[in-house]
């Protein structure tokens, strides 16, 4: 498996888990088809070689809100992209302050920022023109620019992860962790966790993932159910919000991203994990050594 870019979480989690950026022309097209049709077509193909945070990033980069008029949709996505520019600038400056050579990274961020600004300019022209034909033309250009901008994000994140350390490796061992923040786990693992008013999203690659829960929750995207309110058989990406209680899951190839102020989890099998926030963790072989590890501190919260 690839090493997971910890900085990806730092940049994306707080904004991307809750909302999305558009990176597909299908998302913007006008259609009478429902949101589910657009959802399936707009997610770029991902394989099992993709890292957990790459998977989570891409599946959340598409806006899953109900279809709205194009002007409103563009405004929403441009605002999110502008916020992304600020976060990328902050991350690159932090890396530079640590003595890293980030000249290539900064150049890529500038190109991304220019495309976002270009999209904003075209949208503003569309909003001020009195000609319907000109408005449509400007909206088309704004859409094209934001699609180009978002296509630049994965190369930027690939560049960023060159500066970062890898994940916690789980190899026929048990990972125990508790804390607040974000936990992303991926692989062939059995996982159980407790959340207090949290959320989690799952991508199932193999089709054999089973989630069992007694927790209270709301679903953002309804999964298929296997005749029971407690036994859920997800397909593709499913999100659960306002989760309080115990959850367990098992599958041969999946990625789960968990966010909460309180996370208590245990995972065993083969895979990897990213833990970002305020917390501690240990593996089986750490116990005998009396060793306790701490979660990665988000770059924006460092002293």
C-alpha atoms as a PDB file:
ATOM      1  CA  UNK A   1       0.000   0.000   0.000  1.00  0.00           C
ATOM      2  CA  UNK A   2       1.027   3.601  -0.514  1.00  0.00           C
ATOM      3  CA  UNK A   3       1.933   5.738   2.436  1.00  0.00           C
ATOM      4  CA  UNK A   4      -0.938   7.961   3.437  1.00  0.00           C
ATOM      5  CA  UNK A   5      -0.380  11.722   3.309  1.00  0.00           C
ATOM      6  CA  UNK A   6      -1.117  12.997   6.788  1.00  0.00           C
ATOM      7  CA  UNK A   7      -1.218  16.575   5.581  1.00  0.00           C
ATOM      8  CA  UNK A   8      -4.120  15.671   3.304  1.00  0.00           C
ATOM      9  CA  UNK A   9      -6.254  15.200   6.374  1.00  0.00           C
ATOM     10  CA  UNK A  10      -5.016  18.399   7.929  1.00  0.00           C
ATOM     11  CA  UNK A  11      -5.998  20.376   4.868  1.00  0.00           C
ATOM     12  CA  UNK A  12      -9.173  18.606   3.903  1.00  0.00           C
ATOM     13  CA  UNK A  13     -10.995  16.986   6.756  1.00  0.00           C
ATOM     14  CA  UNK A  14     -12.631  19.939   8.420  1.00  0.00           C
ATOM     15  CA  UNK A  15     -14.012  21.251   5.138  1.00  0.00           C
ATOM     16  CA  UNK A  16     -14.357  18.214   2.921  1.00  0.00           C
ATOM     17  CA  UNK A  17     -16.126  15.819   5.247  1.00  0.00           C
ATOM     18  CA  UNK A  18     -18.969  18.249   5.686  1.00  0.00           C
ATOM     19  CA  UNK A  19     -19.089  19.554   2.133  1.00  0.00           C
ATOM     20  CA  UNK A  20     -17.600  18.888  -1.274  1.00  0.00           C
ATOM     21  CA  UNK A  21     -15.757  20.371  -4.169  1.00  0.00           C
ATOM     22  CA  UNK A  22     -16.709  19.619  -7.763  1.00  0.00           C
ATOM     23  CA  UNK A  23     -14.209  17.888 -10.001  1.00  0.00           C
ATOM     24  CA  UNK A  24     -16.383  16.504 -12.748  1.00  0.00           C
ATOM     25  CA  UNK A  25     -18.209  18.113 -15.620  1.00  0.00           C
ATOM     26  CA  UNK A  26     -21.134  15.768 -14.975  1.00  0.00           C
ATOM     27  CA  UNK A  27     -21.765  17.440 -11.640  1.00  0.00           C
ATOM     28  CA  UNK A  28     -22.477  20.764 -13.306  1.00  0.00           C
ATOM     29  CA  UNK A  29     -24.578  19.564 -16.219  1.00  0.00           C
ATOM     30  CA  UNK A  30     -28.280  20.353 -16.182  1.00  0.00           C
ATOM     31  CA  UNK A  31     -30.409  17.227 -16.169  1.00  0.00           C
ATOM     32  CA  UNK A  32     -33.731  15.853 -15.075  1.00  0.00           C
ATOM     33  CA  UNK A  33     -31.946  12.888 -13.539  1.00  0.00           C
ATOM     34  CA  UNK A  34     -31.907  12.638  -9.753  1.00  0.00           C
ATOM     35  CA  UNK A  35     -28.922  13.262  -7.489  1.00  0.00           C
ATOM     36  CA  UNK A  36     -28.127   9.542  -7.235  1.00  0.00           C
ATOM     37  CA  UNK A  37     -27.488   9.315 -10.971  1.00  0.00           C
ATOM     38  CA  UNK A  38     -25.069  12.219 -10.849  1.00  0.00           C
ATOM     39  CA  UNK A  39     -23.438  10.811  -7.746  1.00  0.00           C
ATOM     40  CA  UNK A  40     -22.541   7.534  -9.431  1.00  0.00           C
ATOM     41  CA  UNK A  41     -21.166   9.129 -12.595  1.00  0.00           C
ATOM     42  CA  UNK A  42     -19.222  11.954 -11.001  1.00  0.00           C
ATOM     43  CA  UNK A  43     -16.891   9.983  -8.750  1.00  0.00           C
ATOM     44  CA  UNK A  44     -13.571   9.342 -10.494  1.00  0.00           C
ATOM     45  CA  UNK A  45     -12.462   5.700 -10.656  1.00  0.00           C
ATOM     46  CA  UNK A  46     -10.369   4.553  -7.706  1.00  0.00           C
ATOM     47  CA  UNK A  47      -8.504   1.325  -7.198  1.00  0.00           C
ATOM     48  CA  UNK A  48      -7.316  -0.548  -4.176  1.00  0.00           C
ATOM     49  CA  UNK A  49      -3.835   0.917  -4.731  1.00  0.00           C
ATOM     50  CA  UNK A  50      -5.151   4.366  -3.839  1.00  0.00           C
ATOM     51  CA  UNK A  51      -4.264   5.474  -0.343  1.00  0.00           C
ATOM     52  CA  UNK A  52      -7.088   5.788   2.227  1.00  0.00           C
ATOM     53  CA  UNK A  53      -6.944   9.562   2.371  1.00  0.00           C
ATOM     54  CA  UNK A  54      -6.817   9.789  -1.448  1.00  0.00           C
ATOM     55  CA  UNK A  55      -9.946   7.643  -1.563  1.00  0.00           C
ATOM     56  CA  UNK A  56     -11.666   9.713   1.077  1.00  0.00           C
ATOM     57  CA  UNK A  57     -10.606  12.949  -0.587  1.00  0.00           C
ATOM     58  CA  UNK A  58     -11.913  12.043  -4.027  1.00  0.00           C
ATOM     59  CA  UNK A  59     -15.200  10.563  -2.891  1.00  0.00           C
ATOM     60  CA  UNK A  60     -15.933  13.722  -0.881  1.00  0.00           C
ATOM     61  CA  UNK A  61     -14.695  16.163  -3.487  1.00  0.00           C
ATOM     62  CA  UNK A  62     -17.974  15.819  -5.376  1.00  0.00           C
ATOM     63  CA  UNK A  63     -20.889  17.822  -4.073  1.00  0.00           C
ATOM     64  CA  UNK A  64     -23.743  15.479  -3.172  1.00  0.00           C
ATOM     65  CA  UNK A  65     -26.265  18.193  -2.485  1.00  0.00           C
ATOM     66  CA  UNK A  66     -29.518  18.183  -4.392  1.00  0.00           C
ATOM     67  CA  UNK A  67     -29.282  19.731  -7.826  1.00  0.00           C
ATOM     68  CA  UNK A  68     -29.576  23.515  -7.735  1.00  0.00           C
ATOM     69  CA  UNK A  69     -29.256  26.155 -10.416  1.00  0.00           C
ATOM     70  CA  UNK A  70     -25.814  26.321 -11.964  1.00  0.00           C
ATOM     71  CA  UNK A  71     -25.042  29.834 -10.754  1.00  0.00           C
ATOM     72  CA  UNK A  72     -25.672  28.923  -7.107  1.00  0.00           C
ATOM     73  CA  UNK A  73     -23.770  25.674  -7.496  1.00  0.00           C
ATOM     74  CA  UNK A  74     -20.749  27.440  -8.991  1.00  0.00           C
ATOM     75  CA  UNK A  75     -20.779  30.062  -6.235  1.00  0.00           C
ATOM     76  CA  UNK A  76     -20.789  27.336  -3.590  1.00  0.00           C
ATOM     77  CA  UNK A  77     -17.914  25.418  -5.161  1.00  0.00           C
ATOM     78  CA  UNK A  78     -15.826  28.506  -5.857  1.00  0.00           C
ATOM     79  CA  UNK A  79     -16.132  29.536  -2.209  1.00  0.00           C
ATOM     80  CA  UNK A  80     -14.939  26.098  -1.122  1.00  0.00           C
ATOM     81  CA  UNK A  81     -12.051  26.257  -3.583  1.00  0.00           C
ATOM     82  CA  UNK A  82     -11.058  29.693  -2.269  1.00  0.00           C
ATOM     83  CA  UNK A  83     -11.017  28.230   1.232  1.00  0.00           C
ATOM     84  CA  UNK A  84      -8.860  25.391  -0.079  1.00  0.00           C
ATOM     85  CA  UNK A  85      -6.380  27.918  -1.519  1.00  0.00           C
ATOM     86  CA  UNK A  86      -6.003  29.492   1.922  1.00  0.00           C
ATOM     87  CA  UNK A  87      -5.430  26.112   3.570  1.00  0.00           C
ATOM     88  CA  UNK A  88      -2.880  25.080   0.960  1.00  0.00           C
ATOM     89  CA  UNK A  89      -1.045  28.378   1.390  1.00  0.00           C
ATOM     90  CA  UNK A  90      -0.980  27.859   5.151  1.00  0.00           C
ATOM     91  CA  UNK A  91       0.312  24.314   4.789  1.00  0.00           C
ATOM     92  CA  UNK A  92       3.035  25.255   2.309  1.00  0.00           C
ATOM     93  CA  UNK A  93       4.166  28.165   4.514  1.00  0.00           C
ATOM     94  CA  UNK A  94       4.343  25.850   7.530  1.00  0.00           C
ATOM     95  CA  UNK A  95       6.451  23.363   5.572  1.00  0.00           C
ATOM     96  CA  UNK A  96       8.693  26.200   4.395  1.00  0.00           C
ATOM     97  CA  UNK A  97       9.140  27.396   7.980  1.00  0.00           C
ATOM     98  CA  UNK A  98      10.285  23.873   8.837  1.00  0.00           C
ATOM     99  CA  UNK A  99      13.084  24.236   6.309  1.00  0.00           C
ATOM    100  CA  UNK A 100      11.481  22.307   3.432  1.00  0.00           C
ATOM    101  CA  UNK A 101      12.059  23.374  -0.180  1.00  0.00           C
ATOM    102  CA  UNK A 102       8.509  24.042  -1.353  1.00  0.00           C
ATOM    103  CA  UNK A 103       9.161  26.087  -4.491  1.00  0.00           C
ATOM    104  CA  UNK A 104       7.476  23.519  -6.775  1.00  0.00           C
ATOM    105  CA  UNK A 105       4.560  23.176  -4.373  1.00  0.00           C
ATOM    106  CA  UNK A 106       4.040  26.920  -4.165  1.00  0.00           C
ATOM    107  CA  UNK A 107       4.092  27.169  -7.974  1.00  0.00           C
ATOM    108  CA  UNK A 108       1.395  24.503  -8.206  1.00  0.00           C
ATOM    109  CA  UNK A 109      -0.730  26.274  -5.602  1.00  0.00           C
ATOM    110  CA  UNK A 110      -0.414  29.547  -7.532  1.00  0.00           C
ATOM    111  CA  UNK A 111      -1.642  27.828 -10.713  1.00  0.00           C
ATOM    112  CA  UNK A 112      -4.560  26.357  -8.779  1.00  0.00           C
ATOM    113  CA  UNK A 113      -5.358  29.712  -7.193  1.00  0.00           C
ATOM    114  CA  UNK A 114      -5.272  31.454 -10.581  1.00  0.00           C
ATOM    115  CA  UNK A 115      -7.843  29.016 -11.978  1.00  0.00           C
ATOM    116  CA  UNK A 116     -10.104  29.527  -8.970  1.00  0.00           C
ATOM    117  CA  UNK A 117      -9.823  33.315  -9.384  1.00  0.00           C
ATOM    118  CA  UNK A 118     -10.547  32.956 -13.092  1.00  0.00           C
ATOM    119  CA  UNK A 119     -13.678  30.971 -12.313  1.00  0.00           C
ATOM    120  CA  UNK A 120     -14.749  33.658  -9.831  1.00  0.00           C
ATOM    121  CA  UNK A 121     -14.214  36.418 -12.415  1.00  0.00           C
ATOM    122  CA  UNK A 122     -16.319  34.643 -15.044  1.00  0.00           C
ATOM    123  CA  UNK A 123     -19.080  34.037 -12.517  1.00  0.00           C
ATOM    124  CA  UNK A 124     -19.124  37.721 -11.560  1.00  0.00           C
ATOM    125  CA  UNK A 125     -19.373  38.676 -15.249  1.00  0.00           C
ATOM    126  CA  UNK A 126     -22.276  36.268 -15.616  1.00  0.00           C
ATOM    127  CA  UNK A 127     -24.012  37.879 -12.668  1.00  0.00           C
ATOM    128  CA  UNK A 128     -23.673  41.412 -14.023  1.00  0.00           C
ATOM    129  CA  UNK A 129     -24.444  41.000 -17.722  1.00  0.00           C
ATOM    130  CA  UNK A 130     -27.943  41.724 -18.998  1.00  0.00           C
ATOM    131  CA  UNK A 131     -27.587  39.379 -21.960  1.00  0.00           C
ATOM    132  CA  UNK A 132     -28.810  35.837 -21.429  1.00  0.00           C
ATOM    133  CA  UNK A 133     -26.501  34.471 -24.108  1.00  0.00           C
ATOM    134  CA  UNK A 134     -23.483  36.197 -22.541  1.00  0.00           C
ATOM    135  CA  UNK A 135     -24.510  34.959 -19.125  1.00  0.00           C
ATOM    136  CA  UNK A 136     -24.615  31.382 -20.339  1.00  0.00           C
ATOM    137  CA  UNK A 137     -21.241  31.777 -22.022  1.00  0.00           C
ATOM    138  CA  UNK A 138     -19.660  33.198 -18.853  1.00  0.00           C
ATOM    139  CA  UNK A 139     -21.168  30.421 -16.739  1.00  0.00           C
ATOM    140  CA  UNK A 140     -19.694  27.861 -19.132  1.00  0.00           C
ATOM    141  CA  UNK A 141     -16.259  29.465 -18.775  1.00  0.00           C
ATOM    142  CA  UNK A 142     -16.603  29.625 -14.993  1.00  0.00           C
ATOM    143  CA  UNK A 143     -17.521  25.953 -14.894  1.00  0.00           C
ATOM    144  CA  UNK A 144     -14.583  24.995 -17.111  1.00  0.00           C
ATOM    145  CA  UNK A 145     -12.160  26.935 -14.908  1.00  0.00           C
ATOM    146  CA  UNK A 146     -13.320  25.388 -11.643  1.00  0.00           C
ATOM    147  CA  UNK A 147     -13.161  21.903 -13.153  1.00  0.00           C
ATOM    148  CA  UNK A 148      -9.585  22.587 -14.284  1.00  0.00           C
ATOM    149  CA  UNK A 149      -8.762  23.970 -10.848  1.00  0.00           C
ATOM    150  CA  UNK A 150     -10.017  20.927  -9.002  1.00  0.00           C
ATOM    151  CA  UNK A 151      -8.155  18.627 -11.381  1.00  0.00           C
ATOM    152  CA  UNK A 152      -4.977  20.230  -9.981  1.00  0.00           C
ATOM    153  CA  UNK A 153      -5.672  19.178  -6.404  1.00  0.00           C
ATOM    154  CA  UNK A 154      -4.464  15.581  -6.536  1.00  0.00           C
ATOM    155  CA  UNK A 155      -1.066  16.554  -8.039  1.00  0.00           C
ATOM    156  CA  UNK A 156      -0.738  19.186  -5.313  1.00  0.00           C
ATOM    157  CA  UNK A 157      -1.529  16.659  -2.604  1.00  0.00           C
ATOM    158  CA  UNK A 158       0.864  14.152  -4.182  1.00  0.00           C
ATOM    159  CA  UNK A 159       3.561  16.816  -3.896  1.00  0.00           C
ATOM    160  CA  UNK A 160       2.661  17.597  -0.293  1.00  0.00           C
ATOM    161  CA  UNK A 161       2.821  14.000   0.855  1.00  0.00           C
ATOM    162  CA  UNK A 162       6.449  13.793  -0.198  1.00  0.00           C
ATOM    163  CA  UNK A 163       7.176  15.903   2.886  1.00  0.00           C
ATOM    164  CA  UNK A 164       5.149  13.839   5.314  1.00  0.00           C
ATOM    165  CA  UNK A 165       5.700  10.689   7.346  1.00  0.00           C
ATOM    166  CA  UNK A 166       3.752   7.516   6.725  1.00  0.00           C
ATOM    167  CA  UNK A 167       0.800   5.982   8.553  1.00  0.00           C
ATOM    168  CA  UNK A 168       0.586   3.563  11.451  1.00  0.00           C
ATOM    169  CA  UNK A 169       1.069   0.092   9.954  1.00  0.00           C
ATOM    170  CA  UNK A 170      -1.229  -2.678  11.208  1.00  0.00           C
ATOM    171  CA  UNK A 171       0.345  -6.062  10.398  1.00  0.00           C
ATOM    172  CA  UNK A 172      -1.325  -9.027  12.078  1.00  0.00           C
ATOM    173  CA  UNK A 173      -1.568  -6.961  15.214  1.00  0.00           C
ATOM    174  CA  UNK A 174      -4.078  -4.879  17.170  1.00  0.00           C
ATOM    175  CA  UNK A 175      -4.226  -1.092  17.179  1.00  0.00           C
ATOM    176  CA  UNK A 176      -5.916   0.596  20.137  1.00  0.00           C
ATOM    177  CA  UNK A 177      -6.537   4.344  20.083  1.00  0.00           C
ATOM    178  CA  UNK A 178      -8.506   6.991  21.893  1.00  0.00           C
ATOM    179  CA  UNK A 179      -8.758  10.703  21.320  1.00  0.00           C
ATOM    180  CA  UNK A 180     -10.517  13.494  19.483  1.00  0.00           C
ATOM    181  CA  UNK A 181     -10.041  14.405  15.846  1.00  0.00           C
ATOM    182  CA  UNK A 182      -9.878  12.288  12.720  1.00  0.00           C
ATOM    183  CA  UNK A 183      -9.058   8.606  12.256  1.00  0.00           C
ATOM    184  CA  UNK A 184      -8.760   6.971   8.840  1.00  0.00           C
ATOM    185  CA  UNK A 185      -8.219   3.235   8.572  1.00  0.00           C
ATOM    186  CA  UNK A 186      -7.911   1.037   5.515  1.00  0.00           C
ATOM    187  CA  UNK A 187      -7.224  -2.558   4.617  1.00  0.00           C
ATOM    188  CA  UNK A 188      -8.360  -6.035   5.625  1.00  0.00           C
ATOM    189  CA  UNK A 189      -9.291  -5.263   9.208  1.00  0.00           C
ATOM    190  CA  UNK A 190     -11.855  -5.916  11.895  1.00  0.00           C
ATOM    191  CA  UNK A 191     -12.713  -2.622  13.544  1.00  0.00           C
ATOM    192  CA  UNK A 192     -14.807  -1.604  16.527  1.00  0.00           C
ATOM    193  CA  UNK A 193     -15.208   1.914  17.851  1.00  0.00           C
ATOM    194  CA  UNK A 194     -17.303   4.149  20.053  1.00  0.00           C
ATOM    195  CA  UNK A 195     -18.297   7.666  19.010  1.00  0.00           C
ATOM    196  CA  UNK A 196     -19.960  10.485  20.839  1.00  0.00           C
ATOM    197  CA  UNK A 197     -21.858  12.766  18.445  1.00  0.00           C
ATOM    198  CA  UNK A 198     -19.475  11.952  15.598  1.00  0.00           C
ATOM    199  CA  UNK A 199     -19.565  10.934  11.969  1.00  0.00           C
ATOM    200  CA  UNK A 200     -17.978   8.357   9.744  1.00  0.00           C
ATOM    201  CA  UNK A 201     -17.839   7.547   6.042  1.00  0.00           C
ATOM    202  CA  UNK A 202     -17.009   4.231   4.416  1.00  0.00           C
ATOM    203  CA  UNK A 203     -15.792   3.167   0.973  1.00  0.00           C
ATOM    204  CA  UNK A 204     -16.162  -0.572   0.316  1.00  0.00           C
ATOM    205  CA  UNK A 205     -13.876  -1.895  -2.443  1.00  0.00           C
ATOM    206  CA  UNK A 206     -14.528  -5.607  -2.157  1.00  0.00           C
ATOM    207  CA  UNK A 207     -18.288  -5.638  -1.623  1.00  0.00           C
ATOM    208  CA  UNK A 208     -18.041  -7.766   1.531  1.00  0.00           C
ATOM    209  CA  UNK A 209     -18.069  -5.035   4.164  1.00  0.00           C
ATOM    210  CA  UNK A 210     -20.512  -5.566   7.038  1.00  0.00           C
ATOM    211  CA  UNK A 211     -21.321  -2.834   9.562  1.00  0.00           C
ATOM    212  CA  UNK A 212     -23.082  -3.712  12.804  1.00  0.00           C
ATOM    213  CA  UNK A 213     -24.177  -0.953  15.156  1.00  0.00           C
ATOM    214  CA  UNK A 214     -26.371  -0.184  18.121  1.00  0.00           C
ATOM    215  CA  UNK A 215     -25.617   3.517  17.731  1.00  0.00           C
ATOM    216  CA  UNK A 216     -28.046   6.314  17.051  1.00  0.00           C
ATOM    217  CA  UNK A 217     -27.246   7.934  13.712  1.00  0.00           C
ATOM    218  CA  UNK A 218     -28.533   9.674  10.605  1.00  0.00           C
ATOM    219  CA  UNK A 219     -27.628   8.573   7.111  1.00  0.00           C
ATOM    220  CA  UNK A 220     -26.533  11.106   4.512  1.00  0.00           C
ATOM    221  CA  UNK A 221     -26.771   8.574   1.669  1.00  0.00           C
ATOM    222  CA  UNK A 222     -28.982   5.585   2.238  1.00  0.00           C
ATOM    223  CA  UNK A 223     -27.305   2.160   1.973  1.00  0.00           C
ATOM    224  CA  UNK A 224     -29.010  -1.084   1.116  1.00  0.00           C
ATOM    225  CA  UNK A 225     -30.156  -2.913   4.219  1.00  0.00           C
ATOM    226  CA  UNK A 226     -30.238  -6.623   4.848  1.00  0.00           C
ATOM    227  CA  UNK A 227     -33.648  -6.801   6.453  1.00  0.00           C
ATOM    228  CA  UNK A 228     -32.461  -5.291   9.720  1.00  0.00           C
ATOM    229  CA  UNK A 229     -32.006  -1.781  11.049  1.00  0.00           C
ATOM    230  CA  UNK A 230     -28.845  -2.923  12.799  1.00  0.00           C
ATOM    231  CA  UNK A 231     -27.074  -4.956  10.108  1.00  0.00           C
ATOM    232  CA  UNK A 232     -26.089  -2.708   7.211  1.00  0.00           C
ATOM    233  CA  UNK A 233     -24.455  -3.852   3.968  1.00  0.00           C
ATOM    234  CA  UNK A 234     -22.988  -0.708   2.381  1.00  0.00           C
ATOM    235  CA  UNK A 235     -22.053  -0.369  -1.259  1.00  0.00           C
ATOM    236  CA  UNK A 236     -19.762   2.389  -2.579  1.00  0.00           C
ATOM    237  CA  UNK A 237     -19.428   5.422  -0.264  1.00  0.00           C
ATOM    238  CA  UNK A 238     -21.854   5.782   2.644  1.00  0.00           C
ATOM    239  CA  UNK A 239     -21.827   8.510   5.299  1.00  0.00           C
ATOM    240  CA  UNK A 240     -23.316   8.465   8.790  1.00  0.00           C
ATOM    241  CA  UNK A 241     -23.733  11.604  10.882  1.00  0.00           C
ATOM    242  CA  UNK A 242     -24.737  12.417  14.463  1.00  0.00           C
ATOM    243  CA  UNK A 243     -23.471   9.008  15.560  1.00  0.00           C
ATOM    244  CA  UNK A 244     -23.478   8.165  19.264  1.00  0.00           C
ATOM    245  CA  UNK A 245     -22.798   4.586  20.311  1.00  0.00           C
ATOM    246  CA  UNK A 246     -20.857   1.493  19.345  1.00  0.00           C
ATOM    247  CA  UNK A 247     -20.020   0.483  15.769  1.00  0.00           C
ATOM    248  CA  UNK A 248     -18.187  -2.561  14.444  1.00  0.00           C
ATOM    249  CA  UNK A 249     -17.234  -3.405  10.874  1.00  0.00           C
ATOM    250  CA  UNK A 250     -15.368  -6.068   8.997  1.00  0.00           C
ATOM    251  CA  UNK A 251     -14.273  -6.374   5.365  1.00  0.00           C
ATOM    252  CA  UNK A 252     -11.396  -7.481   3.190  1.00  0.00           C
ATOM    253  CA  UNK A 253     -10.766  -4.116   1.527  1.00  0.00           C
ATOM    254  CA  UNK A 254     -12.325  -0.891   2.730  1.00  0.00           C
ATOM    255  CA  UNK A 255     -11.544   2.601   3.961  1.00  0.00           C
ATOM    256  CA  UNK A 256     -13.322   4.323   6.823  1.00  0.00           C
ATOM    257  CA  UNK A 257     -12.899   7.912   7.977  1.00  0.00           C
ATOM    258  CA  UNK A 258     -14.081   8.762  11.489  1.00  0.00           C
ATOM    259  CA  UNK A 259     -14.492  12.228  12.999  1.00  0.00           C
ATOM    260  CA  UNK A 260     -15.543  12.981  16.577  1.00  0.00           C
ATOM    261  CA  UNK A 261     -14.608  14.770  19.764  1.00  0.00           C
ATOM    262  CA  UNK A 262     -14.444  11.348  21.372  1.00  0.00           C
ATOM    263  CA  UNK A 263     -13.162   8.285  19.515  1.00  0.00           C
ATOM    264  CA  UNK A 264     -12.311   4.964  21.157  1.00  0.00           C
ATOM    265  CA  UNK A 265     -11.298   2.300  18.652  1.00  0.00           C
ATOM    266  CA  UNK A 266      -9.657  -1.080  18.284  1.00  0.00           C
ATOM    267  CA  UNK A 267      -8.572  -2.554  14.956  1.00  0.00           C
ATOM    268  CA  UNK A 268      -6.855  -5.816  14.125  1.00  0.00           C
ATOM    269  CA  UNK A 269      -5.742  -7.431  10.894  1.00  0.00           C
ATOM    270  CA  UNK A 270      -3.664  -5.981   8.075  1.00  0.00           C
ATOM    271  CA  UNK A 271      -3.874  -2.374   6.985  1.00  0.00           C
ATOM    272  CA  UNK A 272      -2.907   1.121   8.040  1.00  0.00           C
ATOM    273  CA  UNK A 273      -4.255   4.059   9.978  1.00  0.00           C
ATOM    274  CA  UNK A 274      -3.905   7.801  10.188  1.00  0.00           C
ATOM    275  CA  UNK A 275      -4.711   9.483  13.494  1.00  0.00           C
ATOM    276  CA  UNK A 276      -4.804  13.279  13.531  1.00  0.00           C
ATOM    277  CA  UNK A 277      -5.849  15.323  16.529  1.00  0.00           C
ATOM    278  CA  UNK A 278      -5.411  14.969  20.276  1.00  0.00           C
ATOM    279  CA  UNK A 279      -5.059  11.398  21.446  1.00  0.00           C
ATOM    280  CA  UNK A 280      -2.916   8.349  22.135  1.00  0.00           C
ATOM    281  CA  UNK A 281      -2.525   4.921  20.554  1.00  0.00           C
ATOM    282  CA  UNK A 282      -0.525   1.736  20.890  1.00  0.00           C
ATOM    283  CA  UNK A 283       0.025  -1.525  19.054  1.00  0.00           C
ATOM    284  CA  UNK A 284       0.252  -4.948  20.701  1.00  0.00           C
ATOM    285  CA  UNK A 285       4.025  -4.947  20.719  1.00  0.00           C
ATOM    286  CA  UNK A 286       4.090  -1.487  22.329  1.00  0.00           C
ATOM    287  CA  UNK A 287       2.430  -2.725  25.513  1.00  0.00           C
ATOM    288  CA  UNK A 288       5.299  -4.924  26.590  1.00  0.00           C
ATOM    289  CA  UNK A 289       7.648  -1.996  26.021  1.00  0.00           C
ATOM    290  CA  UNK A 290       5.480   0.380  28.021  1.00  0.00           C
ATOM    291  CA  UNK A 291       5.264   2.572  24.929  1.00  0.00           C
ATOM    292  CA  UNK A 292       2.393   4.944  24.182  1.00  0.00           C
ATOM    293  CA  UNK A 293       2.219   7.009  21.004  1.00  0.00           C
ATOM    294  CA  UNK A 294       0.420  10.289  20.341  1.00  0.00           C
ATOM    295  CA  UNK A 295      -1.752  11.291  17.417  1.00  0.00           C
ATOM    296  CA  UNK A 296      -0.406  13.616  14.731  1.00  0.00           C
ATOM    297  CA  UNK A 297      -0.964  17.267  15.650  1.00  0.00           C
ATOM    298  CA  UNK A 298      -2.768  19.170  12.852  1.00  0.00           C
ATOM    299  CA  UNK A 299      -0.402  21.567  11.154  1.00  0.00           C
ATOM    300  CA  UNK A 300      -2.717  24.527  11.789  1.00  0.00           C
ATOM    301  CA  UNK A 301      -2.631  23.920  15.535  1.00  0.00           C
ATOM    302  CA  UNK A 302       1.127  23.661  16.026  1.00  0.00           C
ATOM    303  CA  UNK A 303       2.862  26.174  18.272  1.00  0.00           C
END
